[in-house]
Amino acid sequence: MRDYSNMPILIWEDEVSAIKASAQVHHAEPLILQMPEDFVMDIDATACGCHVGKKTGSHVDCHAEILLTTLANENNMPELVKLAEVAHEAGQVADLETDTRRIIIHD
C-alpha cells in the first residue's frame, strides 16, 4: 500500500479548489483531494483503467483523465473536467479511496 502521509491535502469546497488543485497537478506535484460528504464515488473501475487496491474500496493507478471526468459527470462538477485535462497533460495517475472520499493524484 502506498504511503500518502507526505502528500498535501486539499479539502474540496468549490471551483476555487479546482484552480488550486490544477496548479499543483500542473507541476506534477502529488495531491490528495478530500471530497465532500455527498460526493458520489461510484465508478466502473475497469473503464477507468484502475487496478484493485489492497484496501476494500480502493482503486489504484487509474487513468486520471478518465476517472476525474467520470466523477465530474456523476457529481455534476464541470470544474473536475479541467483538472482531468491537466492531470493527463502532466502524466499523472489517480488512486481512489471510496471509504474516505479521497482522490489521490500522483505520478
Protein backbone atom coordinates (compact mmCIF):
# COMPACT_ATOMS: atom_id res chain seq x y z
CA MET A 1 0.00 0.00 0.00
CA ARG A 2 1.25 3.48 -0.84
CA ASP A 3 2.25 5.94 1.84
CA TYR A 4 0.28 9.15 1.36
CA SER A 5 1.46 10.76 4.61
CA ASN A 6 3.75 13.29 2.95
CA MET A 7 1.23 14.46 0.34
CA PRO A 8 -0.64 17.74 0.75
CA ILE A 9 -4.40 17.51 1.26
CA LEU A 10 -6.82 19.91 -0.37
CA ILE A 11 -10.32 19.95 1.10
CA TRP A 12 -12.66 20.37 -1.86
CA GLU A 13 -15.08 23.24 -1.34
CA ASP A 14 -15.88 24.87 -4.68
CA GLU A 15 -14.50 25.98 -8.03
CA VAL A 16 -11.56 27.68 -6.28
CA SER A 17 -10.46 24.24 -5.11
CA ALA A 18 -10.24 23.17 -8.75
CA ILE A 19 -7.96 26.10 -9.56
CA LYS A 20 -5.68 25.31 -6.62
CA ALA A 21 -5.61 21.62 -7.50
CA SER A 22 -4.88 22.33 -11.16
CA ALA A 23 -1.89 24.49 -10.23
CA GLN A 24 -0.47 21.73 -8.04
CA VAL A 25 -1.07 18.95 -10.58
CA HIS A 26 0.23 21.07 -13.48
CA HIS A 27 3.66 20.97 -11.82
CA ALA A 28 3.35 17.17 -11.45
CA GLU A 29 3.16 17.51 -7.68
CA PRO A 30 1.15 14.85 -5.83
CA LEU A 31 -2.09 15.91 -4.21
CA ILE A 32 -4.88 14.40 -2.13
CA LEU A 33 -8.35 15.76 -2.78
CA GLN A 34 -10.68 15.34 0.18
CA MET A 35 -14.11 15.38 -1.38
CA PRO A 36 -17.36 16.46 0.36
CA GLU A 37 -19.67 14.07 2.23
CA ASP A 38 -22.23 13.96 -0.58
CA PHE A 39 -19.65 13.24 -3.32
CA VAL A 40 -20.60 10.14 -5.32
CA MET A 41 -17.65 7.82 -5.93
CA ASP A 42 -19.39 5.04 -7.86
CA ILE A 43 -17.24 4.24 -10.88
CA ASP A 44 -16.59 1.42 -13.29
CA ALA A 45 -13.02 0.71 -12.17
CA THR A 46 -12.18 -1.27 -15.29
CA ALA A 47 -13.40 1.51 -17.60
CA CYS A 48 -11.27 3.99 -15.63
CA GLY A 49 -8.19 1.81 -16.02
CA CYS A 50 -7.93 1.14 -12.28
CA HIS A 51 -6.29 -1.76 -10.52
CA VAL A 52 -7.70 -3.23 -7.34
CA GLY A 53 -6.12 -1.73 -4.25
CA LYS A 54 -5.14 -3.65 -1.12
CA LYS A 55 -7.83 -1.92 0.97
CA THR A 56 -11.50 -2.58 0.40
CA GLY A 57 -12.97 0.23 -1.65
CA SER A 58 -9.65 1.42 -3.03
CA HIS A 59 -8.65 1.60 -6.67
CA VAL A 60 -5.07 2.41 -7.70
CA ASP A 61 -3.21 3.69 -10.74
CA CYS A 62 -6.38 4.77 -12.52
CA HIS A 63 -6.22 6.76 -15.74
CA ALA A 64 -6.57 10.22 -14.15
CA GLU A 65 -8.38 11.87 -17.04
CA ILE A 66 -11.00 9.14 -17.37
CA LEU A 67 -11.50 8.80 -13.61
CA LEU A 68 -11.87 12.54 -12.95
CA THR A 69 -14.14 13.04 -15.95
CA THR A 70 -16.34 10.14 -14.81
CA LEU A 71 -16.56 11.60 -11.30
CA ALA A 72 -17.23 15.07 -12.73
CA ASN A 73 -20.17 13.75 -14.73
CA GLU A 74 -21.51 11.69 -11.83
CA ASN A 75 -21.40 14.67 -9.47
CA ASN A 76 -22.27 17.46 -11.92
CA MET A 77 -18.91 19.17 -11.28
CA PRO A 78 -17.58 20.50 -14.60
CA GLU A 79 -14.59 22.02 -12.83
CA LEU A 80 -13.24 18.49 -12.35
CA VAL A 81 -13.06 18.07 -16.13
CA LYS A 82 -10.44 20.81 -16.37
CA LEU A 83 -8.45 19.14 -13.60
CA ALA A 84 -8.74 15.87 -15.54
CA GLU A 85 -7.16 17.51 -18.58
CA VAL A 86 -4.32 19.00 -16.51
CA ALA A 87 -3.63 15.65 -14.82
CA HIS A 88 -3.48 13.93 -18.20
CA GLU A 89 -1.12 16.55 -19.63
CA ALA A 90 1.13 16.19 -16.56
CA GLY A 91 1.25 12.40 -16.97
CA GLN A 92 -0.38 11.75 -13.62
CA VAL A 93 -2.43 8.77 -12.44
CA ALA A 94 -5.01 8.70 -9.67
CA ASP A 95 -5.98 6.48 -6.77
CA LEU A 96 -9.47 6.46 -5.33
CA GLU A 97 -10.41 5.67 -1.74
CA THR A 98 -14.18 5.37 -1.64
CA ASP A 99 -14.41 4.86 2.13
CA THR A 100 -12.67 8.16 2.92
CA ARG A 101 -13.83 10.04 -0.22
CA ARG A 102 -10.26 10.80 -1.28
CA ILE A 103 -8.79 11.15 -4.76
CA ILE A 104 -5.01 10.91 -4.80
CA ILE A 105 -3.31 12.32 -7.88
CA HIS A 106 0.32 11.33 -8.31
CA ASP A 107 2.96 10.19 -10.81
